[in-house]
Every structure is written in C-alpha cells, then in structure tokens.
Amino acid sequence: MFDNASILVTGGTGSFGRRFISTLLHRYQPRRVIVYSRDELKQYEMAQEFPHDAMRFFLGDVRDGERLKQAMRGVDYVVHAAALKQVPAAEYNPTECIRTNVVGAENVISAAIANDVRKVVALSTDKAASPINLYGATKLLSDKLFVAANNTVGNQATRFAVVRYGNVVGSRGSVVPLFQKMIADGATELPITDPRMTRFWITLQQGVDFVIRAFERMYGGELFVPKIPSARITDLAAAMAPQLPHKVIGIRPGEKLHELMISRDDSLHTLEFADHYVITPSIRFIEHRDYALNNCGEAGRPTDEGFKYASDINDWFLTPDEIRQLSQQNS
C-alpha cells in the first residue's frame, strides 16, 4: 500500500510518529514521508536519526489550516497523531486543548479534502469513550468529525477512519517512564494512584501495526479498537520493582479508575472481528458499506446488546512476569 506513496504524519516527532515512520521505512519504499510538527529541535534530531532520501520535515501547527494544506500537496495517506494529551494540563488549559484537538482535527480534514488525499487515519484514545475529562471530550469531538467527514466529501475519493486504544506502554503519557526514572534514582517506594486501577496494555509497535492494518481494512467511517490485554497498576509496579512498597496518592484530576474503549451505548453499532472491534457510524452515509466484511475480506459479527469493553472486566489480564517480558521486548 505505501510503496511509492507519499505519507504525512501530524505530530510526527512524538513516540508514535517516530516508531510509525521507522516501521514504514523498514517495510515499504515510500516516495515521501512528511513529518508535520511544531518542534524544530525534535525535527532536527529526527532528521539525524532518519537520514533517508524520502524524509521531509514541515514546521507547522495543526491549528494552522493553510500550512496544513500546503504540507498535504501530493500526499496519498495521512496519520493524524498530533494532540494535546496530558489530562491535568487540559483541565487547567481547556481552550488550548480545544484549539489543538478539535479545531486541529477540522483543519486536517479540510486540508485532506482540498488535496484529494486517499485515506486518513486519526488516532483517538480510550478517554473519548464516555468522557469525564476535557481531553476525552475533545477527542470524542475529533472522532465524530473524522467519521462525519466521509459524508462531507460526497463523491470524492478521500476517506477517513479512527483508531482508538489506551495508553501506550513506554510513551510519554504512560506511568512506565516515571517508574523507570524513580527506580533509577533510588526510590524507596512507588506512587500508586489507586490499587484498584486497571489499564489496557499495548506496546508502541502493536499500536503502529494496528494503524497500518487499519489503512488496509478501512472503507471510511470506522472506529477501530484492538483486542488487547489488561494490567493492574499494582502488578505493573510489582513487575518493575518487586522489592519496593507502594504509596497510594489518589487519582489525578480527570483520571478514570479503569479504561473504557467501547461503551454499552456503542455496542448497538459494534462489530467483533477476530483480533479487533469496529464501531460503525451511527449516521447514514451517502455511500452504503457493509462493514461486517472489511476491505481485507475479514468477517465480523454484531456484539451482544449491552456489551462493554473495559479494562476491569477484560477476560485477558497480564501477570507481573508477562508484563516484565513484554516491557523488555518493547525497550
């Protein structure tokens, strides 16, 4: 799919963008890979890390619609990974979060349509399912915008889909780097927000592979959710430092006790496939699609009414040993 193609990644200097681009250059022969972000230092560092002829770097913010349109000229595929993601920061700076996560999503959609981009996959978050914080609310709005964009284009070929998963192990939003730093600095205890807390577990490479597969599977309008294991925060701490005691510090502003990726209300529109779920559009598109058979020929079936996909009721939990093994593989 990506051979001799031009691919643009918003927020391309982030942890996902770097791994996605590394995978892209390793598996395919793209014509151009465009990193679109606002951090010039990270772009400089990334240019040293990826001295590939296909690499291009555009300084710009997703808030700037005209700059996005310029960057997307001749682009075939777009991954929208740029976002303000820190939950407490969003609670204290709501307008900034809205401008990046909602207005930025609108700008990505408009730029893609204006440049006849083939496919766009936007990254979402578990926090967009029944959101209780501002970050989750903005990402829910973003998800809705990308799904509805498939109607906006009319008969034009551009199509949009969304990928949703929880915190990525080892990313900046994960507790793993914090624990690693504290252990390296000689901590005598690890902070636990709540001993009941659970999280879905996905590695950076698994997230990248799932997004690539979404490009292959999509018709347009789908919200893809991977089937992944859960982990208890206490087991994570035990896996990283079994000798250290835990200190309960309480949940942060806007933080959930458990991750939710598919709510009971969404179950009415959800299809289950072998290794993932698809939340189908609740609105009617001009072009009818049978989402139960995807673009790769994989068949899905409707989930039961009242189905919910949450980290605390998942039937797949990792043990501390499994967490340790997966963490080593991801490092």
Protein backbone atom coordinates (compact mmCIF):
# COMPACT_ATOMS: atom_id res chain seq x y z
CA MET A 1 0.00 0.00 0.00
CA PHE A 2 2.71 2.51 0.96
CA ASP A 3 5.24 1.66 -1.75
CA ASN A 4 5.89 4.71 -3.97
CA ALA A 5 3.31 6.65 -1.90
CA SER A 6 3.53 9.95 -0.04
CA ILE A 7 2.62 9.77 3.66
CA LEU A 8 2.23 12.65 6.11
CA VAL A 9 2.20 12.25 9.90
CA THR A 10 0.96 15.11 12.08
CA GLY A 11 2.76 15.13 15.40
CA GLY A 12 5.36 13.03 13.64
CA THR A 13 8.15 13.71 16.16
CA GLY A 14 6.22 12.05 19.00
CA SER A 15 6.79 8.50 20.22
CA PHE A 16 4.12 7.07 17.90
CA GLY A 17 5.29 9.07 14.90
CA ARG A 18 8.90 8.00 15.26
CA ARG A 19 8.04 4.31 15.54
CA PHE A 20 5.48 4.53 12.72
CA ILE A 21 7.98 6.17 10.38
CA SER A 22 10.73 3.73 11.36
CA THR A 23 8.38 0.83 10.53
CA LEU A 24 7.32 2.49 7.29
CA LEU A 25 10.90 2.90 6.07
CA HIS A 26 11.77 -0.66 7.08
CA ARG A 27 8.81 -2.42 5.44
CA TYR A 28 8.00 -0.25 2.43
CA GLN A 29 9.57 2.00 -0.15
CA PRO A 30 7.63 5.26 0.19
CA ARG A 31 8.21 8.14 -2.19
CA ARG A 32 7.93 10.75 0.59
CA VAL A 33 7.44 10.61 4.35
CA ILE A 34 6.47 14.01 5.73
CA VAL A 35 6.84 14.88 9.40
CA TYR A 36 4.49 17.72 10.31
CA SER A 37 5.07 19.18 13.79
CA ARG A 38 5.88 22.42 15.56
CA ASP A 39 9.07 21.43 17.43
CA GLU A 40 12.15 22.38 15.40
CA LEU A 41 14.62 20.71 17.80
CA LYS A 42 12.81 17.37 17.65
CA GLN A 43 12.65 17.63 13.86
CA TYR A 44 16.41 18.28 13.74
CA GLU A 45 17.09 15.29 15.99
CA MET A 46 14.77 13.10 13.94
CA ALA A 47 16.49 14.12 10.71
CA GLN A 48 19.76 12.81 12.16
CA GLU A 49 18.06 9.58 13.23
CA PHE A 50 16.38 9.00 9.84
CA PRO A 51 18.84 10.06 7.10
CA HIS A 52 16.57 8.71 4.38
CA ASP A 53 16.04 10.31 0.97
CA ALA A 54 12.26 10.05 1.37
CA MET A 55 12.15 12.11 4.58
CA ARG A 56 10.68 15.61 4.56
CA PHE A 57 10.13 17.95 7.52
CA PHE A 58 7.44 20.64 7.73
CA LEU A 59 7.34 23.02 10.67
CA GLY A 60 3.72 23.82 11.41
CA ASP A 61 0.84 23.56 13.85
CA VAL A 62 -2.41 21.71 13.18
CA ARG A 63 -4.13 24.91 14.26
CA ASP A 64 -2.82 26.47 11.03
CA GLY A 65 -5.14 25.27 8.28
CA GLU A 66 -3.31 26.96 5.41
CA ARG A 67 0.03 25.48 6.41
CA LEU A 68 -1.58 22.02 6.57
CA LYS A 69 -2.99 22.44 3.07
CA GLN A 70 0.45 23.37 1.81
CA ALA A 71 2.06 20.38 3.55
CA MET A 72 -0.50 17.91 2.14
CA ARG A 73 0.05 18.72 -1.53
CA GLY A 74 0.56 15.48 -3.38
CA VAL A 75 0.04 13.37 -0.22
CA ASP A 76 -1.67 9.97 -0.50
CA TYR A 77 -2.09 8.96 3.15
CA VAL A 78 -2.26 10.89 6.42
CA VAL A 79 -1.88 9.74 10.02
CA HIS A 80 -3.21 12.33 12.44
CA ALA A 81 -1.31 11.82 15.69
CA ALA A 82 -0.92 15.42 16.86
CA ALA A 83 -2.83 16.24 20.06
CA LEU A 84 -2.59 17.81 23.49
CA LYS A 85 -2.84 14.67 25.62
CA GLN A 86 -1.98 15.43 29.24
CA VAL A 87 -5.22 15.11 31.23
CA PRO A 88 -4.40 17.54 34.09
CA ALA A 89 -2.94 20.12 31.69
CA ALA A 90 -6.11 20.00 29.61
CA GLU A 91 -8.26 20.54 32.71
CA TYR A 92 -6.33 23.69 33.55
CA ASN A 93 -5.95 24.92 29.92
CA PRO A 94 -9.22 23.92 28.22
CA THR A 95 -9.15 26.47 25.39
CA GLU A 96 -5.69 25.40 24.27
CA CYS A 97 -6.75 21.76 24.23
CA ILE A 98 -9.87 22.56 22.19
CA ARG A 99 -7.88 24.57 19.64
CA THR A 100 -5.45 21.73 19.01
CA ASN A 101 -7.68 18.66 19.35
CA VAL A 102 -10.93 19.94 17.81
CA VAL A 103 -10.02 22.87 15.55
CA GLY A 104 -6.87 20.98 14.55
CA ALA A 105 -8.98 17.96 13.54
CA GLU A 106 -11.19 20.20 11.38
CA ASN A 107 -8.09 21.64 9.71
CA VAL A 108 -6.66 18.17 8.97
CA ILE A 109 -9.97 17.13 7.39
CA SER A 110 -10.23 20.28 5.28
CA ALA A 111 -6.62 20.02 4.10
CA ALA A 112 -7.04 16.34 3.18
CA ILE A 113 -10.18 17.04 1.17
CA ALA A 114 -8.61 20.03 -0.57
CA ASN A 115 -5.64 17.89 -1.66
CA ASP A 116 -7.54 14.70 -2.63
CA VAL A 117 -5.72 12.61 -0.03
CA ARG A 118 -6.73 8.94 -0.41
CA LYS A 119 -7.03 7.86 3.22
CA VAL A 120 -6.72 9.49 6.64
CA VAL A 121 -6.46 7.59 9.93
CA ALA A 122 -6.82 9.64 13.12
CA LEU A 123 -5.56 8.40 16.48
CA SER A 124 -8.07 8.50 19.32
CA THR A 125 -7.97 7.44 22.96
CA ASP A 126 -9.93 5.34 25.44
CA LYS A 127 -10.75 8.62 27.21
CA ALA A 128 -13.07 9.54 24.31
CA ALA A 129 -15.47 6.73 25.35
CA SER A 130 -17.94 8.22 27.87
CA PRO A 131 -15.50 11.05 28.63
CA ILE A 132 -15.20 12.54 32.11
CA ASN A 133 -12.33 14.92 31.36
CA LEU A 134 -11.75 17.69 28.84
CA TYR A 135 -9.11 15.77 26.89
CA GLY A 136 -11.53 12.88 26.38
CA ALA A 137 -14.32 15.26 25.40
CA THR A 138 -12.15 16.94 22.76
CA LYS A 139 -11.08 13.58 21.33
CA LEU A 140 -14.72 12.44 21.18
CA LEU A 141 -15.48 15.56 19.15
CA SER A 142 -12.46 14.82 16.96
CA ASP A 143 -13.67 11.24 16.40
CA LYS A 144 -17.11 12.49 15.39
CA LEU A 145 -15.58 14.99 12.98
CA PHE A 146 -13.48 12.35 11.22
CA VAL A 147 -16.40 9.92 10.92
CA ALA A 148 -18.76 12.60 9.57
CA ALA A 149 -16.08 13.78 7.11
CA ASN A 150 -16.90 10.73 4.99
CA ASN A 151 -20.23 12.41 4.23
CA THR A 152 -18.67 15.82 3.70
CA VAL A 153 -16.54 14.56 0.80
CA GLY A 154 -19.57 13.37 -1.18
CA ASN A 155 -18.37 11.50 -4.26
CA GLN A 156 -14.75 12.50 -3.71
CA ALA A 157 -12.38 9.57 -3.06
CA THR A 158 -10.92 10.77 0.27
CA ARG A 159 -11.88 8.51 3.19
CA PHE A 160 -11.43 8.87 6.96
CA ALA A 161 -11.25 6.36 9.82
CA VAL A 162 -10.29 6.40 13.50
CA VAL A 163 -8.13 4.08 15.64
CA ARG A 164 -8.78 4.00 19.39
CA TYR A 165 -6.60 2.42 22.07
CA GLY A 166 -5.43 3.24 25.58
CA ASN A 167 -2.11 4.44 26.96
CA VAL A 168 0.85 3.06 25.08
CA VAL A 169 3.44 1.33 27.25
CA GLY A 170 6.56 3.46 27.48
CA SER A 171 5.08 6.56 25.82
CA ARG A 172 5.17 9.96 27.49
CA GLY A 173 1.61 9.52 28.75
CA SER A 174 2.41 6.18 30.37
CA VAL A 175 3.40 5.66 34.01
CA VAL A 176 6.21 3.32 32.93
CA PRO A 177 8.83 6.05 32.21
CA LEU A 178 8.01 7.66 35.57
CA PHE A 179 8.52 4.38 37.42
CA GLN A 180 11.74 3.71 35.49
CA LYS A 181 13.18 7.11 36.41
CA MET A 182 12.19 6.77 40.06
CA ILE A 183 13.76 3.31 40.28
CA ALA A 184 16.96 4.55 38.60
CA ASP A 185 17.08 7.47 41.05
CA GLY A 186 16.92 5.08 44.01
CA ALA A 187 13.27 5.49 45.05
CA THR A 188 12.24 3.70 48.24
CA GLU A 189 8.57 3.41 47.19
CA LEU A 190 6.42 3.75 44.07
CA PRO A 191 3.35 6.04 43.89
CA ILE A 192 0.06 4.26 43.11
CA THR A 193 -2.97 6.40 42.35
CA ASP A 194 -5.42 3.67 43.40
CA PRO A 195 -4.70 -0.04 43.99
CA ARG A 196 -7.90 -0.97 42.12
CA MET A 197 -6.78 0.82 38.94
CA THR A 198 -6.52 -1.18 35.69
CA ARG A 199 -5.29 -0.23 32.24
CA PHE A 200 -5.28 -1.80 28.79
CA TRP A 201 -1.79 -2.85 27.69
CA ILE A 202 -0.49 -2.14 24.20
CA THR A 203 3.10 -1.67 23.08
CA LEU A 204 4.18 1.05 20.70
CA GLN A 205 4.88 -1.43 17.91
CA GLN A 206 1.50 -3.10 18.37
CA GLY A 207 -0.16 0.31 18.06
CA VAL A 208 1.78 1.09 14.89
CA ASP A 209 0.96 -2.29 13.34
CA PHE A 210 -2.73 -1.82 14.16
CA VAL A 211 -2.81 1.59 12.47
CA ILE A 212 -1.14 0.19 9.34
CA ARG A 213 -3.69 -2.62 9.29
CA ALA A 214 -6.49 -0.06 9.67
CA PHE A 215 -5.41 1.60 6.41
CA GLU A 216 -5.76 -1.79 4.71
CA ARG A 217 -9.08 -2.68 6.34
CA MET A 218 -10.95 0.61 6.13
CA TYR A 219 -13.74 1.73 3.84
CA GLY A 220 -14.24 5.00 5.70
CA GLY A 221 -16.22 5.86 8.82
CA GLU A 222 -14.95 3.02 11.03
CA LEU A 223 -13.61 3.38 14.54
CA PHE A 224 -11.15 0.51 15.05
CA VAL A 225 -10.44 -0.88 18.55
CA PRO A 226 -7.82 -3.63 19.09
CA LYS A 227 -8.34 -6.64 21.35
CA ILE A 228 -5.55 -6.29 23.91
CA PRO A 229 -4.84 -7.45 27.48
CA SER A 230 -5.36 -5.53 30.71
CA ALA A 231 -2.91 -4.97 33.56
CA ARG A 232 -3.42 -3.96 37.17
CA ILE A 233 -1.39 -0.95 38.25
CA THR A 234 -0.19 -2.91 41.29
CA ASP A 235 1.03 -5.74 39.03
CA LEU A 236 2.83 -3.22 36.84
CA ALA A 237 4.63 -1.77 39.84
CA ALA A 238 5.46 -5.27 41.09
CA ALA A 239 6.85 -6.22 37.68
CA MET A 240 9.14 -3.20 37.58
CA ALA A 241 10.29 -3.17 41.21
CA PRO A 242 9.08 -6.18 43.21
CA GLN A 243 11.12 -5.10 46.23
CA LEU A 244 9.55 -1.63 46.60
CA PRO A 245 6.41 -0.87 48.63
CA HIS A 246 3.56 1.20 47.17
CA LYS A 247 2.28 4.58 48.31
CA VAL A 248 -1.35 5.43 47.43
CA ILE A 249 -1.52 9.06 46.28
CA GLY A 250 -5.05 9.31 44.85
CA ILE A 251 -6.44 9.74 41.33
CA ARG A 252 -5.39 12.85 39.40
CA PRO A 253 -7.96 15.43 38.19
CA GLY A 254 -9.98 13.96 35.31
CA GLU A 255 -8.45 10.49 35.61
CA LYS A 256 -10.53 7.30 35.37
CA LEU A 257 -10.19 4.26 37.60
CA HIS A 258 -10.47 1.93 34.58
CA GLU A 259 -10.08 2.41 30.83
CA LEU A 260 -13.16 2.15 28.65
CA MET A 261 -12.86 1.72 24.88
CA ILE A 262 -16.41 0.68 23.91
CA SER A 263 -19.38 1.82 25.96
CA ARG A 264 -22.67 -0.07 26.29
CA ASP A 265 -24.37 2.58 24.16
CA ASP A 266 -21.81 1.99 21.39
CA SER A 267 -22.47 -1.77 21.47
CA LEU A 268 -25.51 -1.23 19.23
CA HIS A 269 -23.11 -0.19 16.45
CA THR A 270 -20.17 -2.51 17.24
CA LEU A 271 -18.88 -5.46 15.23
CA GLU A 272 -16.50 -8.05 16.63
CA PHE A 273 -13.69 -9.41 14.45
CA ALA A 274 -11.01 -11.98 15.29
CA ASP A 275 -8.50 -9.53 16.77
CA HIS A 276 -10.37 -6.24 16.94
CA TYR A 277 -13.72 -4.45 17.18
CA VAL A 278 -15.22 -1.87 14.84
CA ILE A 279 -17.66 0.81 15.97
CA THR A 280 -19.62 1.57 12.82
CA PRO A 281 -21.08 5.01 12.03
CA SER A 282 -24.35 5.87 13.74
CA ILE A 283 -25.19 8.26 10.90
CA ARG A 284 -26.22 7.20 7.40
CA PHE A 285 -23.71 7.83 4.65
CA ILE A 286 -24.46 8.64 1.02
CA GLU A 287 -22.47 5.55 0.06
CA HIS A 288 -23.66 2.35 1.78
CA ARG A 289 -20.99 -0.03 3.09
CA ASP A 290 -21.26 -3.48 4.63
CA TYR A 291 -18.82 -3.04 7.49
CA ALA A 292 -19.31 -6.67 8.55
CA LEU A 293 -16.94 -7.63 5.72
CA ASN A 294 -13.94 -5.35 5.67
CA ASN A 295 -11.62 -4.36 2.84
CA CYS A 296 -9.33 -7.31 3.64
CA GLY A 297 -12.14 -9.86 3.44
CA GLU A 298 -12.33 -10.36 7.22
CA ALA A 299 -15.82 -11.03 8.59
CA GLY A 300 -17.28 -9.59 11.79
CA ARG A 301 -20.45 -10.13 13.77
CA PRO A 302 -22.56 -7.79 15.92
CA THR A 303 -21.73 -7.72 19.62
CA ASP A 304 -24.42 -8.54 22.16
CA GLU A 305 -26.64 -5.67 23.29
CA GLY A 306 -25.16 -4.16 26.44
CA PHE A 307 -21.62 -5.25 25.57
CA LYS A 308 -18.88 -3.11 27.11
CA TYR A 309 -15.12 -3.24 26.53
CA ALA A 310 -13.39 -2.01 29.67
CA SER A 311 -10.05 -2.80 31.28
CA ASP A 312 -11.52 -4.04 34.58
CA ILE A 313 -13.87 -6.64 33.02
CA ASN A 314 -11.49 -7.81 30.31
CA ASP A 315 -11.05 -11.59 30.20
CA TRP A 316 -7.33 -11.20 29.41
CA PHE A 317 -5.09 -9.97 32.26
CA LEU A 318 -1.29 -9.98 32.28
CA THR A 319 0.71 -11.36 35.20
CA PRO A 320 3.71 -9.44 36.57
CA ASP A 321 6.03 -11.87 34.75
CA GLU A 322 4.23 -11.30 31.45
CA ILE A 323 4.35 -7.53 31.99
CA ARG A 324 8.10 -7.76 32.60
CA GLN A 325 8.68 -9.85 29.48
CA LEU A 326 6.63 -7.53 27.25
CA SER A 327 8.34 -4.46 28.68
CA GLN A 328 11.74 -5.92 27.83
CA GLN A 329 10.59 -6.68 24.28
CA ASN A 330 9.35 -3.10 23.89
CA SER A 331 12.54 -1.47 25.16
